[in-house]
N, C-alpha and C. Protein backbone atom coordinates (compact mmCIF):
# COMPACT_ATOMS: atom_id res chain seq x y z
N UNK A 1 28.78 12.91 35.13
CA UNK A 1 28.24 13.93 34.04
C UNK A 1 26.93 14.69 34.61
N UNK A 2 27.14 15.94 34.59
CA UNK A 2 26.05 16.98 35.05
C UNK A 2 24.88 16.87 34.09
N UNK A 3 23.61 16.99 34.90
CA UNK A 3 22.38 16.84 34.20
C UNK A 3 22.17 18.07 33.25
N UNK A 4 22.47 19.48 33.90
CA UNK A 4 22.45 20.47 33.03
C UNK A 4 23.27 21.56 33.13
N UNK A 5 24.28 21.29 32.14
CA UNK A 5 25.37 22.21 31.96
C UNK A 5 25.00 23.28 31.21
N UNK A 6 25.74 24.48 31.25
CA UNK A 6 25.27 25.72 30.78
C UNK A 6 24.76 25.81 29.27
N UNK A 7 25.93 25.07 28.39
CA UNK A 7 25.84 25.05 27.10
C UNK A 7 24.57 24.05 26.58
N UNK A 8 24.17 23.04 27.54
CA UNK A 8 23.02 22.22 27.18
C UNK A 8 21.86 22.86 27.42
N UNK A 9 21.85 23.56 28.61
CA UNK A 9 20.41 24.43 28.89
C UNK A 9 20.33 25.55 27.85
N UNK A 10 21.20 26.18 27.28
CA UNK A 10 21.20 27.15 26.16
C UNK A 10 20.54 26.52 25.02
N UNK A 11 21.00 25.21 24.73
CA UNK A 11 20.49 24.67 23.52
C UNK A 11 18.95 24.45 23.75
N UNK A 12 18.83 23.85 24.83
CA UNK A 12 17.27 23.51 25.05
C UNK A 12 16.45 24.75 25.08
N UNK A 13 16.89 25.84 25.61
CA UNK A 13 16.18 27.06 25.67
C UNK A 13 16.09 27.80 24.32
N UNK A 14 17.08 27.63 23.27
CA UNK A 14 17.07 27.99 21.92
C UNK A 14 15.94 27.39 21.15
N UNK A 15 15.81 25.93 21.52
CA UNK A 15 14.92 25.13 20.80
C UNK A 15 13.53 25.50 21.35
N UNK A 16 13.33 25.69 22.54
CA UNK A 16 12.03 25.93 23.14
C UNK A 16 11.41 27.15 22.67
N UNK A 17 12.44 28.22 22.60
CA UNK A 17 11.75 29.49 21.98
C UNK A 17 11.73 29.45 20.57
N UNK A 18 12.36 28.78 19.86
CA UNK A 18 12.20 28.76 18.36
C UNK A 18 10.91 27.89 17.98
N UNK A 19 10.63 26.98 18.76
CA UNK A 19 9.49 26.22 18.29
C UNK A 19 8.14 26.54 18.96
N UNK A 20 8.23 27.55 20.03
CA UNK A 20 6.91 28.13 20.70
C UNK A 20 6.55 29.32 20.10
N UNK A 21 5.16 29.15 19.47
CA UNK A 21 4.51 30.43 18.84
C UNK A 21 4.42 31.44 19.91
N UNK A 22 4.86 32.93 19.66
CA UNK A 22 4.77 34.05 20.43
C UNK A 22 4.15 35.02 19.63
N UNK A 23 3.50 35.96 20.36
CA UNK A 23 2.95 37.08 19.63
C UNK A 23 3.90 37.79 18.69
N UNK A 24 5.19 37.69 19.31
CA UNK A 24 6.26 38.56 18.74
C UNK A 24 6.68 37.97 17.45
N UNK A 25 6.76 36.55 17.43
CA UNK A 25 7.28 35.89 16.12
C UNK A 25 6.36 35.24 15.15
N UNK A 26 4.96 35.25 15.78
CA UNK A 26 3.99 34.75 14.91
C UNK A 26 3.10 35.99 14.62
N UNK A 27 3.53 36.50 13.35
CA UNK A 27 2.80 37.66 12.89
C UNK A 27 1.95 37.44 11.62
N UNK A 28 2.08 36.08 11.12
CA UNK A 28 1.26 36.00 9.85
C UNK A 28 0.15 34.97 10.22
N UNK A 29 -0.98 35.39 9.73
CA UNK A 29 -2.30 34.44 9.92
C UNK A 29 -2.45 33.70 8.76
N UNK A 30 -2.87 32.46 8.61
CA UNK A 30 -3.22 31.66 7.52
C UNK A 30 -4.57 31.15 7.75
N UNK A 31 -5.38 31.21 6.60
CA UNK A 31 -6.84 30.77 6.75
C UNK A 31 -6.75 29.72 5.54
N UNK A 32 -7.20 28.55 5.92
CA UNK A 32 -7.47 27.49 5.01
C UNK A 32 -9.09 27.19 4.80
N UNK A 33 -9.48 26.78 3.56
CA UNK A 33 -10.78 26.64 3.52
C UNK A 33 -10.95 25.35 2.55
N UNK A 34 -12.29 24.90 2.52
CA UNK A 34 -12.88 24.04 1.69
C UNK A 34 -14.21 24.33 1.37
N UNK A 35 -14.61 24.55 0.08
CA UNK A 35 -16.05 25.09 -0.13
C UNK A 35 -16.53 24.60 -1.65
N UNK A 36 -17.63 24.86 -2.11
CA UNK A 36 -18.18 24.35 -3.14
C UNK A 36 -18.50 25.58 -4.12
N UNK A 37 -18.48 25.36 -5.39
CA UNK A 37 -18.95 26.25 -6.45
C UNK A 37 -20.30 26.46 -6.40
N UNK A 38 -20.97 27.51 -6.35
CA UNK A 38 -22.27 27.86 -6.20
C UNK A 38 -22.87 28.61 -7.56
N UNK A 39 -22.08 29.17 -8.28
CA UNK A 39 -22.55 29.95 -9.48
C UNK A 39 -21.28 30.08 -10.48
N UNK A 40 -21.61 29.84 -11.82
CA UNK A 40 -20.61 30.11 -12.89
C UNK A 40 -21.32 30.89 -13.95
N UNK A 41 -20.56 32.14 -14.33
CA UNK A 41 -21.28 33.00 -15.34
C UNK A 41 -20.20 33.21 -16.38
N UNK A 42 -20.88 32.87 -17.65
CA UNK A 42 -20.16 33.06 -18.82
C UNK A 42 -18.87 32.08 -18.89
N UNK A 43 -18.96 31.10 -18.65
CA UNK A 43 -17.69 30.01 -18.78
C UNK A 43 -17.24 29.93 -20.19
N UNK A 44 -15.84 29.55 -20.35
CA UNK A 44 -14.84 29.27 -19.23
C UNK A 44 -14.35 30.67 -18.76
N UNK A 45 -14.05 30.44 -17.41
CA UNK A 45 -13.54 31.60 -16.64
C UNK A 45 -11.98 31.31 -16.44
N UNK A 46 -11.04 32.06 -16.96
CA UNK A 46 -9.77 31.86 -16.85
C UNK A 46 -9.41 30.33 -17.14
N UNK A 47 -10.04 30.01 -18.15
CA UNK A 47 -9.67 28.54 -18.74
C UNK A 47 -10.34 27.44 -18.22
N UNK A 48 -11.18 27.57 -17.23
CA UNK A 48 -11.98 26.41 -16.77
C UNK A 48 -13.36 26.77 -16.60
N UNK A 49 -14.25 25.51 -16.83
CA UNK A 49 -15.81 25.48 -16.80
C UNK A 49 -16.12 24.72 -15.65
N UNK A 50 -16.14 25.09 -14.45
CA UNK A 50 -16.54 24.24 -13.25
C UNK A 50 -18.17 24.16 -13.33
N UNK A 51 -18.55 23.12 -12.64
CA UNK A 51 -19.93 23.09 -12.40
C UNK A 51 -20.28 23.16 -11.10
N UNK A 52 -21.59 23.73 -10.90
CA UNK A 52 -22.02 23.90 -9.39
C UNK A 52 -21.78 22.71 -8.53
N UNK A 53 -21.38 22.88 -7.55
CA UNK A 53 -21.08 21.63 -6.61
C UNK A 53 -19.63 21.14 -6.48
N UNK A 54 -18.93 21.60 -7.75
CA UNK A 54 -17.49 21.29 -7.48
C UNK A 54 -16.77 21.80 -6.44
N UNK A 55 -15.80 21.16 -5.82
CA UNK A 55 -14.93 21.53 -4.80
C UNK A 55 -13.87 22.61 -5.13
N UNK A 56 -13.84 23.51 -4.11
CA UNK A 56 -12.71 24.50 -4.24
C UNK A 56 -11.96 24.43 -2.85
N UNK A 57 -10.72 24.37 -2.93
CA UNK A 57 -9.90 24.43 -1.70
C UNK A 57 -8.79 25.49 -1.98
N UNK A 58 -8.24 26.00 -0.85
CA UNK A 58 -7.30 27.01 -0.82
C UNK A 58 -7.00 27.73 0.42
N UNK A 59 -6.23 28.65 0.48
CA UNK A 59 -5.99 29.52 1.69
C UNK A 59 -5.56 30.95 1.31
N UNK A 60 -5.52 31.77 2.40
CA UNK A 60 -4.74 33.15 2.15
C UNK A 60 -4.02 33.28 3.46
N UNK A 61 -3.01 34.16 3.28
CA UNK A 61 -2.26 34.60 4.48
C UNK A 61 -1.99 36.20 4.33
N UNK A 62 -2.26 36.62 5.62
CA UNK A 62 -1.89 37.93 5.60
C UNK A 62 -1.01 38.24 6.99
N UNK A 63 -0.12 39.38 6.70
CA UNK A 63 0.75 39.88 7.71
C UNK A 63 0.25 40.87 8.69
N UNK A 64 0.29 40.51 10.03
CA UNK A 64 -0.43 41.36 11.07
C UNK A 64 0.63 42.50 11.19
N UNK A 65 1.79 42.32 10.93
CA UNK A 65 2.80 43.54 11.04
C UNK A 65 2.80 44.55 9.68
N UNK A 66 1.86 44.28 8.90
CA UNK A 66 2.04 44.99 7.51
C UNK A 66 1.77 46.46 7.94
N UNK A 67 1.90 47.50 7.30
CA UNK A 67 1.75 48.95 7.49
C UNK A 67 0.64 49.20 6.64
N UNK A 68 -0.33 49.90 7.50
CA UNK A 68 -1.59 50.64 6.85
C UNK A 68 -1.27 51.57 5.70
N UNK A 69 -1.54 51.24 4.46
CA UNK A 69 -1.04 52.32 3.29
C UNK A 69 -2.13 53.49 3.21
N UNK A 70 -3.16 53.36 4.16
CA UNK A 70 -4.27 54.27 4.20
C UNK A 70 -4.37 54.95 5.47
N UNK A 71 -3.13 55.39 6.03
CA UNK A 71 -3.28 55.64 7.47
C UNK A 71 -4.07 56.93 7.81
N UNK A 72 -4.20 57.71 6.72
CA UNK A 72 -5.11 58.98 7.06
C UNK A 72 -6.68 58.63 7.35
N UNK A 73 -6.99 57.46 6.89
CA UNK A 73 -8.56 57.17 7.26
C UNK A 73 -8.61 56.16 8.17
N UNK A 74 -9.24 56.53 9.46
CA UNK A 74 -9.17 55.58 10.67
C UNK A 74 -10.33 54.27 10.51
N UNK A 75 -11.20 54.66 9.38
CA UNK A 75 -12.25 53.64 9.08
C UNK A 75 -11.89 52.59 8.12
N UNK A 76 -10.63 52.93 7.44
CA UNK A 76 -10.33 52.00 6.30
C UNK A 76 -8.88 51.73 6.23
N UNK A 77 -8.61 50.44 6.27
CA UNK A 77 -7.14 50.03 6.13
C UNK A 77 -6.86 49.34 4.95
N UNK A 78 -5.72 49.56 4.47
CA UNK A 78 -5.25 48.93 3.22
C UNK A 78 -3.88 48.44 3.32
N UNK A 79 -3.50 47.12 3.36
CA UNK A 79 -2.48 46.55 3.88
C UNK A 79 -1.99 45.67 2.49
N UNK A 80 -0.79 45.58 2.20
CA UNK A 80 0.01 44.93 1.24
C UNK A 80 0.88 43.85 1.77
N UNK A 81 0.93 42.82 1.04
CA UNK A 81 1.73 41.48 1.55
C UNK A 81 1.12 40.45 1.88
N UNK A 82 1.54 39.22 1.41
CA UNK A 82 0.80 38.03 1.92
C UNK A 82 0.57 37.06 0.66
N UNK A 83 -0.17 36.19 0.78
CA UNK A 83 -0.34 35.13 -0.23
C UNK A 83 -1.76 34.48 -0.36
N UNK A 84 -2.25 34.16 -1.59
CA UNK A 84 -3.49 33.39 -1.39
C UNK A 84 -3.43 32.35 -2.70
N UNK A 85 -4.26 31.17 -2.62
CA UNK A 85 -4.21 30.15 -3.56
C UNK A 85 -5.76 29.60 -3.51
N UNK A 86 -6.29 29.32 -4.81
CA UNK A 86 -7.59 28.67 -4.91
C UNK A 86 -7.08 27.41 -5.89
N UNK A 87 -7.88 26.29 -5.59
CA UNK A 87 -7.64 25.15 -6.62
C UNK A 87 -9.26 24.65 -6.83
N UNK A 88 -9.40 24.64 -8.08
CA UNK A 88 -10.75 24.17 -8.56
C UNK A 88 -10.50 23.07 -9.74
N UNK A 89 -10.82 21.90 -9.53
CA UNK A 89 -10.73 21.10 -10.72
C UNK A 89 -9.42 20.67 -11.03
N UNK A 90 -8.28 20.84 -10.14
CA UNK A 90 -6.95 20.66 -10.77
C UNK A 90 -6.19 21.78 -11.21
N UNK A 91 -6.82 22.94 -11.29
CA UNK A 91 -6.41 24.30 -11.80
C UNK A 91 -6.19 25.18 -10.71
N UNK A 92 -5.06 25.71 -10.20
CA UNK A 92 -4.74 26.39 -9.20
C UNK A 92 -4.35 27.87 -9.55
N UNK A 93 -5.11 28.93 -8.81
CA UNK A 93 -5.08 30.06 -8.99
C UNK A 93 -4.35 30.99 -7.77
N UNK A 94 -3.30 31.69 -8.10
CA UNK A 94 -2.66 32.43 -6.97
C UNK A 94 -2.41 33.73 -7.27
N UNK A 95 -2.07 34.57 -6.24
CA UNK A 95 -1.59 35.97 -6.48
C UNK A 95 -0.06 36.03 -6.76
N UNK A 96 0.31 36.88 -7.63
CA UNK A 96 1.69 37.28 -8.12
C UNK A 96 2.46 37.74 -6.78
N UNK A 97 2.88 37.00 -5.88
CA UNK A 97 3.36 37.48 -4.62
C UNK A 97 4.40 38.35 -4.84
N UNK A 98 4.63 39.51 -4.15
CA UNK A 98 3.94 39.75 -2.71
C UNK A 98 2.78 40.94 -2.96
N UNK A 99 2.06 40.69 -3.96
CA UNK A 99 1.09 41.81 -4.36
C UNK A 99 -0.25 41.54 -3.74
N UNK A 100 -0.35 40.78 -2.65
CA UNK A 100 -1.85 40.74 -2.11
C UNK A 100 -2.15 41.88 -1.31
N UNK A 101 -3.31 42.45 -1.71
CA UNK A 101 -3.84 43.52 -0.94
C UNK A 101 -4.96 43.20 -0.04
N UNK A 102 -4.77 43.51 1.31
CA UNK A 102 -5.92 43.25 2.16
C UNK A 102 -6.51 44.63 2.60
N UNK A 103 -7.83 44.65 2.26
CA UNK A 103 -8.70 45.92 2.62
C UNK A 103 -9.60 45.67 3.56
N UNK A 104 -9.58 46.31 4.69
CA UNK A 104 -10.37 46.29 5.82
C UNK A 104 -11.23 47.58 6.00
N UNK A 105 -12.57 47.50 5.91
CA UNK A 105 -13.51 48.51 5.98
C UNK A 105 -14.26 48.18 7.33
N UNK A 106 -14.34 49.25 8.14
CA UNK A 106 -14.96 49.05 9.32
C UNK A 106 -15.81 50.34 9.70
N UNK A 107 -16.82 50.43 10.48
CA UNK A 107 -17.52 51.58 10.79
C UNK A 107 -19.00 51.33 11.17
N UNK A 108 -19.79 52.35 11.26
CA UNK A 108 -21.33 52.21 11.56
C UNK A 108 -22.02 51.28 10.46
N UNK A 109 -21.61 51.51 9.28
CA UNK A 109 -22.30 50.76 8.14
C UNK A 109 -21.43 49.87 7.53
N UNK A 110 -20.16 50.09 7.57
CA UNK A 110 -19.20 49.11 7.04
C UNK A 110 -18.60 48.21 8.06
N UNK A 111 -18.64 46.95 7.97
CA UNK A 111 -17.91 46.16 8.94
C UNK A 111 -17.55 44.93 8.14
N UNK A 112 -16.63 45.04 7.15
CA UNK A 112 -16.10 43.99 6.25
C UNK A 112 -14.82 43.87 6.20
N UNK A 113 -14.27 42.73 5.72
CA UNK A 113 -12.82 42.52 5.57
C UNK A 113 -12.88 41.82 4.30
N UNK A 114 -12.07 42.48 3.47
CA UNK A 114 -11.78 42.10 1.86
C UNK A 114 -10.31 41.63 1.72
N UNK A 115 -10.08 40.34 1.30
CA UNK A 115 -8.70 39.90 1.01
C UNK A 115 -8.73 39.81 -0.46
N UNK A 116 -7.95 40.62 -1.18
CA UNK A 116 -8.06 40.63 -2.73
C UNK A 116 -6.62 40.66 -3.30
N UNK A 117 -6.66 39.92 -4.52
CA UNK A 117 -5.53 40.14 -5.47
C UNK A 117 -6.21 40.29 -6.85
N UNK A 118 -5.73 41.26 -7.55
CA UNK A 118 -6.36 41.84 -8.80
C UNK A 118 -5.29 41.99 -9.70
N UNK A 119 -5.56 41.76 -11.00
CA UNK A 119 -4.78 42.16 -12.13
C UNK A 119 -5.45 42.76 -13.20
N UNK A 120 -6.26 43.86 -12.93
CA UNK A 120 -7.26 44.34 -13.68
C UNK A 120 -6.96 45.67 -14.42
N UNK A 121 -5.69 46.17 -14.32
CA UNK A 121 -5.39 47.48 -14.68
C UNK A 121 -3.92 47.76 -14.70
N UNK A 122 -3.40 48.87 -15.33
CA UNK A 122 -2.18 49.09 -15.53
C UNK A 122 -1.44 49.18 -14.06
N UNK A 123 -0.21 48.39 -13.81
CA UNK A 123 0.42 48.44 -12.59
C UNK A 123 -0.18 47.61 -11.51
N UNK A 124 -1.35 46.95 -11.87
CA UNK A 124 -1.81 45.93 -10.90
C UNK A 124 -1.10 44.46 -11.14
N UNK A 125 -1.15 43.83 -9.98
CA UNK A 125 -0.55 42.65 -9.89
C UNK A 125 -1.43 41.52 -10.80
N UNK A 126 -0.69 40.61 -11.26
CA UNK A 126 -1.20 39.56 -12.06
C UNK A 126 -1.58 38.49 -11.24
N UNK A 127 -2.63 37.65 -11.79
CA UNK A 127 -2.97 36.24 -11.23
C UNK A 127 -2.35 35.37 -12.00
N UNK A 128 -1.75 34.32 -11.24
CA UNK A 128 -1.23 33.20 -11.78
C UNK A 128 -2.13 31.95 -11.84
N UNK A 129 -2.17 31.38 -13.12
CA UNK A 129 -2.78 30.22 -13.35
C UNK A 129 -1.90 29.07 -13.57
N UNK A 130 -2.01 28.14 -12.62
CA UNK A 130 -0.95 26.97 -12.62
C UNK A 130 0.41 27.58 -12.84
N UNK A 131 0.61 28.68 -12.46
CA UNK A 131 1.94 29.50 -12.38
C UNK A 131 2.36 30.32 -13.57
N UNK A 132 1.44 30.36 -14.44
CA UNK A 132 1.48 31.29 -15.66
C UNK A 132 0.61 32.53 -15.46
N UNK A 133 1.14 33.64 -15.88
CA UNK A 133 0.46 34.90 -15.61
C UNK A 133 -0.58 35.07 -16.59
N UNK A 134 -1.70 35.44 -15.78
CA UNK A 134 -3.18 35.64 -16.37
C UNK A 134 -3.60 37.09 -16.00
N UNK A 135 -3.45 38.10 -16.89
CA UNK A 135 -3.83 39.29 -16.47
C UNK A 135 -5.35 39.63 -16.65
N UNK A 136 -5.67 40.65 -16.16
CA UNK A 136 -7.29 41.14 -16.10
C UNK A 136 -8.12 40.08 -15.36
N UNK A 137 -7.79 39.73 -14.25
CA UNK A 137 -8.40 38.93 -13.23
C UNK A 137 -8.38 39.15 -11.84
N UNK A 138 -9.07 38.73 -11.07
CA UNK A 138 -9.09 39.00 -9.70
C UNK A 138 -9.51 37.61 -8.83
N UNK A 139 -8.90 37.65 -7.60
CA UNK A 139 -9.40 36.61 -6.63
C UNK A 139 -9.93 37.38 -5.43
N UNK A 140 -11.10 37.11 -4.86
CA UNK A 140 -11.46 37.96 -3.80
C UNK A 140 -12.14 37.03 -2.73
N UNK A 141 -11.74 37.34 -1.49
CA UNK A 141 -12.34 36.73 -0.31
C UNK A 141 -13.03 37.79 0.66
N UNK A 142 -14.32 37.67 0.68
CA UNK A 142 -14.97 38.99 1.34
C UNK A 142 -15.74 38.21 2.67
N UNK A 143 -15.41 38.89 3.72
CA UNK A 143 -16.13 38.59 4.87
C UNK A 143 -17.03 39.70 5.56
N UNK A 144 -17.99 39.46 6.34
CA UNK A 144 -18.47 40.49 7.18
C UNK A 144 -18.57 40.09 8.61
N UNK A 145 -18.68 41.01 9.28
CA UNK A 145 -18.60 40.77 11.02
C UNK A 145 -20.09 41.00 11.44
N UNK A 146 -21.19 40.20 11.42
CA UNK A 146 -22.35 40.59 11.94
C UNK A 146 -22.38 41.13 13.46
N UNK A 147 -21.59 40.91 14.21
CA UNK A 147 -21.71 41.26 15.50
C UNK A 147 -21.09 42.70 16.00
N UNK A 148 -20.45 43.15 14.65
CA UNK A 148 -19.85 44.66 14.83
C UNK A 148 -18.40 44.55 15.68
N UNK A 149 -17.81 43.44 15.37
CA UNK A 149 -16.49 43.15 16.08
C UNK A 149 -15.33 43.83 15.65
N UNK A 150 -15.39 44.31 14.37
CA UNK A 150 -14.37 44.96 13.70
C UNK A 150 -14.34 46.30 13.96
N UNK A 151 -13.94 46.78 15.23
CA UNK A 151 -14.03 48.09 15.69
C UNK A 151 -13.09 49.07 15.13
N UNK A 152 -11.85 48.51 14.74
CA UNK A 152 -10.78 49.45 13.95
C UNK A 152 -10.44 48.96 12.72
N UNK A 153 -9.64 49.74 12.07
CA UNK A 153 -9.20 49.28 10.70
C UNK A 153 -8.06 48.49 10.84
N UNK A 154 -7.60 47.97 11.94
CA UNK A 154 -6.45 46.90 12.10
C UNK A 154 -6.74 45.53 11.44
N UNK A 155 -5.84 44.94 11.15
CA UNK A 155 -6.08 43.47 10.52
C UNK A 155 -6.28 42.62 11.74
N UNK A 156 -7.49 41.81 11.79
CA UNK A 156 -8.02 40.92 12.85
C UNK A 156 -6.82 40.04 13.22
N UNK A 157 -6.38 40.02 14.51
CA UNK A 157 -5.53 38.92 14.98
C UNK A 157 -5.87 38.67 16.23
N UNK A 158 -6.46 37.31 16.62
CA UNK A 158 -6.52 36.29 15.49
C UNK A 158 -7.76 36.61 14.65
N UNK A 159 -7.83 35.62 13.74
CA UNK A 159 -8.73 35.70 12.66
C UNK A 159 -10.08 35.35 13.31
N UNK A 160 -10.96 36.19 13.61
CA UNK A 160 -12.20 35.88 14.48
C UNK A 160 -13.23 34.99 13.71
N UNK A 161 -13.50 33.89 14.52
CA UNK A 161 -14.45 33.01 14.17
C UNK A 161 -15.89 33.60 13.74
N UNK A 162 -16.15 34.71 14.22
CA UNK A 162 -17.56 35.29 14.06
C UNK A 162 -17.73 35.91 12.63
N UNK A 163 -16.54 35.99 11.86
CA UNK A 163 -16.52 36.55 10.35
C UNK A 163 -17.32 35.63 9.67
N UNK A 164 -18.36 35.94 8.78
CA UNK A 164 -19.04 35.24 7.90
C UNK A 164 -18.69 35.52 6.44
N UNK A 165 -18.86 34.45 5.84
CA UNK A 165 -18.40 34.75 4.45
C UNK A 165 -19.28 35.60 3.65
N UNK A 166 -19.14 36.60 2.84
CA UNK A 166 -19.95 37.47 2.06
C UNK A 166 -19.69 37.03 0.62
N UNK A 167 -18.53 36.83 0.11
CA UNK A 167 -18.37 36.38 -1.19
C UNK A 167 -16.96 35.64 -1.39
N UNK A 168 -16.83 34.66 -1.90
CA UNK A 168 -15.62 34.08 -2.36
C UNK A 168 -15.75 33.95 -4.02
N UNK A 169 -14.82 34.69 -4.64
CA UNK A 169 -14.98 34.48 -6.11
C UNK A 169 -13.73 34.58 -7.10
N UNK A 170 -13.76 34.04 -8.17
CA UNK A 170 -12.79 34.40 -9.21
C UNK A 170 -13.46 35.16 -10.29
N UNK A 171 -12.81 36.28 -10.76
CA UNK A 171 -13.42 36.97 -11.80
C UNK A 171 -12.41 37.34 -12.91
N UNK A 172 -12.89 37.06 -14.08
CA UNK A 172 -12.17 37.61 -15.36
C UNK A 172 -12.87 38.57 -15.85
N UNK A 173 -12.34 39.95 -15.91
CA UNK A 173 -12.92 41.04 -16.37
C UNK A 173 -13.47 41.12 -17.93
N UNK A 174 -12.54 40.48 -18.74
CA UNK A 174 -13.00 40.37 -20.03
C UNK A 174 -14.32 39.53 -20.36
N UNK A 175 -15.44 39.95 -20.61
CA UNK A 175 -16.62 39.14 -20.93
C UNK A 175 -17.32 39.10 -19.48
N UNK A 176 -16.88 39.60 -18.48
CA UNK A 176 -17.89 39.57 -17.22
C UNK A 176 -18.01 38.13 -16.78
N UNK A 177 -16.74 37.38 -16.77
CA UNK A 177 -16.92 36.06 -16.24
C UNK A 177 -16.63 35.94 -14.71
N UNK A 178 -17.29 34.96 -14.10
CA UNK A 178 -17.31 34.90 -12.67
C UNK A 178 -17.48 33.32 -12.41
N UNK A 179 -16.93 33.08 -11.06
CA UNK A 179 -16.98 31.83 -10.55
C UNK A 179 -17.26 32.18 -8.85
N UNK A 180 -18.24 31.77 -8.45
CA UNK A 180 -18.51 31.83 -7.04
C UNK A 180 -18.41 30.57 -6.41
N UNK A 181 -17.62 30.65 -5.22
CA UNK A 181 -17.35 29.31 -4.65
C UNK A 181 -17.61 29.66 -2.91
N UNK A 182 -18.83 30.18 -2.53
CA UNK A 182 -19.01 30.56 -1.33
C UNK A 182 -19.82 29.76 -0.34
N UNK A 183 -20.19 28.35 -0.89
CA UNK A 183 -20.56 27.48 0.09
C UNK A 183 -19.62 26.70 0.77
N UNK A 184 -19.28 27.36 1.89
CA UNK A 184 -18.33 27.01 2.79
C UNK A 184 -18.52 25.62 3.50
N UNK A 185 -17.52 24.62 3.26
CA UNK A 185 -17.56 23.42 3.98
C UNK A 185 -16.78 23.35 5.36
N UNK A 186 -15.57 23.98 5.29
CA UNK A 186 -14.68 24.11 6.54
C UNK A 186 -13.60 25.14 6.20
N UNK A 187 -13.33 25.76 7.55
CA UNK A 187 -12.45 26.85 7.53
C UNK A 187 -11.51 26.87 8.85
N UNK A 188 -10.15 26.77 8.56
CA UNK A 188 -9.39 26.79 9.76
C UNK A 188 -8.41 27.68 9.74
N UNK A 189 -8.06 28.30 10.90
CA UNK A 189 -6.84 29.40 10.90
C UNK A 189 -5.79 28.85 11.77
N UNK A 190 -4.66 29.41 11.38
CA UNK A 190 -3.48 28.78 12.13
C UNK A 190 -2.50 30.28 11.93
N UNK A 191 -1.30 30.08 12.87
CA UNK A 191 -0.32 30.95 12.87
C UNK A 191 0.92 30.64 12.20
N UNK A 192 1.40 31.45 11.31
CA UNK A 192 2.82 31.02 10.48
C UNK A 192 3.83 31.82 11.23
N UNK A 193 4.70 30.86 12.13
CA UNK A 193 5.77 31.56 12.68
C UNK A 193 6.82 32.29 11.70
N UNK A 194 7.53 33.29 12.17
CA UNK A 194 8.55 34.08 11.19
C UNK A 194 9.57 32.90 10.94
N UNK A 195 10.51 33.01 9.89
CA UNK A 195 11.52 32.35 9.64
C UNK A 195 12.72 32.09 10.80
N UNK A 196 12.69 33.35 11.58
CA UNK A 196 13.68 33.43 12.62
C UNK A 196 13.35 32.35 13.74
N UNK A 197 12.17 32.06 13.83
CA UNK A 197 11.72 30.95 14.74
C UNK A 197 12.48 29.62 14.48
N UNK A 198 12.23 29.39 13.16
CA UNK A 198 13.04 28.05 12.73
C UNK A 198 14.61 27.98 12.85
N UNK A 199 15.04 29.29 12.60
CA UNK A 199 16.45 29.50 12.66
C UNK A 199 16.98 29.13 14.11
N UNK A 200 16.22 29.75 15.15
CA UNK A 200 16.68 29.69 16.56
C UNK A 200 16.52 28.00 16.93
N UNK A 201 15.45 27.48 16.42
CA UNK A 201 15.39 25.86 16.62
C UNK A 201 16.47 25.22 15.99
N UNK A 202 16.90 25.50 14.88
CA UNK A 202 18.06 24.93 14.07
C UNK A 202 19.39 25.09 14.95
N UNK A 203 19.72 26.24 15.37
CA UNK A 203 20.92 26.72 16.35
C UNK A 203 20.76 25.79 17.54
N UNK A 204 19.60 25.69 18.12
CA UNK A 204 19.69 24.66 19.26
C UNK A 204 20.07 23.29 19.14
N UNK A 205 19.42 22.88 17.91
CA UNK A 205 19.82 21.39 17.53
C UNK A 205 21.27 21.16 17.32
N UNK A 206 21.86 22.12 16.56
CA UNK A 206 23.37 22.17 16.42
C UNK A 206 24.10 22.17 17.63
N UNK A 207 23.64 22.96 18.46
CA UNK A 207 24.24 22.97 19.79
C UNK A 207 24.27 21.70 20.66
N UNK A 208 23.07 20.94 20.33
CA UNK A 208 22.94 19.71 21.22
C UNK A 208 23.83 18.71 20.57
N UNK A 209 23.97 18.72 19.22
CA UNK A 209 24.78 17.69 18.49
C UNK A 209 26.34 17.98 18.74
N UNK A 210 26.77 19.13 18.95
CA UNK A 210 28.24 19.46 19.28
C UNK A 210 28.37 19.05 20.84
N UNK A 211 27.50 19.37 21.63
CA UNK A 211 27.69 18.79 23.12
C UNK A 211 27.78 17.43 23.13
N UNK A 212 26.96 16.68 22.55
CA UNK A 212 27.13 15.08 22.69
C UNK A 212 28.32 14.74 22.08
N UNK A 213 28.83 15.37 20.77
CA UNK A 213 30.20 14.87 20.18
C UNK A 213 31.26 15.15 21.37
N UNK A 214 31.17 16.17 22.05
CA UNK A 214 32.27 16.50 22.92
C UNK A 214 32.19 15.65 24.21
N UNK A 215 31.11 15.10 24.41
CA UNK A 215 31.06 14.28 25.70
C UNK A 215 31.57 12.78 25.32
N UNK A 216 31.74 12.56 24.04
CA UNK A 216 32.30 11.23 23.69
C UNK A 216 33.90 10.98 24.03
């Protein structure tokens, strides 16, 4: 029996390419965080009344291949598509996918990254609270880059560790209700491969199974 027949080699290569993150296939950036509530205004906010110090966990995802919806302004990029989630005290707040708007401002005086999902007006996406629609609300992750590293309005890839939290909050516009959870405990970034990468890996495994059966 030969050690490396063409079919076997092709299967190995398919698996390798399918499981290896590359700049081509890995276009989504995921940021996971754990933080603490630092301020609550006019509780309850979207049905919850957390206390200062309560844990908030969650993530947001943005697609670096998204098209700038504000292409005429080189100092400000607006991108759509992604996901976000915040859990406080057993209640989970998410954007109504795929309505996430990522707004990036940069320039001599603005060097900020805003990751926003809002349901504050006609035609705006809704916030989901434990899976149920909750209009008139907003989830906001706001960062600033103190070293001036956001030189263009493109989405950061990778997500730069020099970004500092400006504000993490949940806002309910009715009654000006607000929860801040910006006391960061941990923040981790990762790359989310495209589904095509997993398809390639699956095809490679199928090829190996077929090859082994033929050898019996």
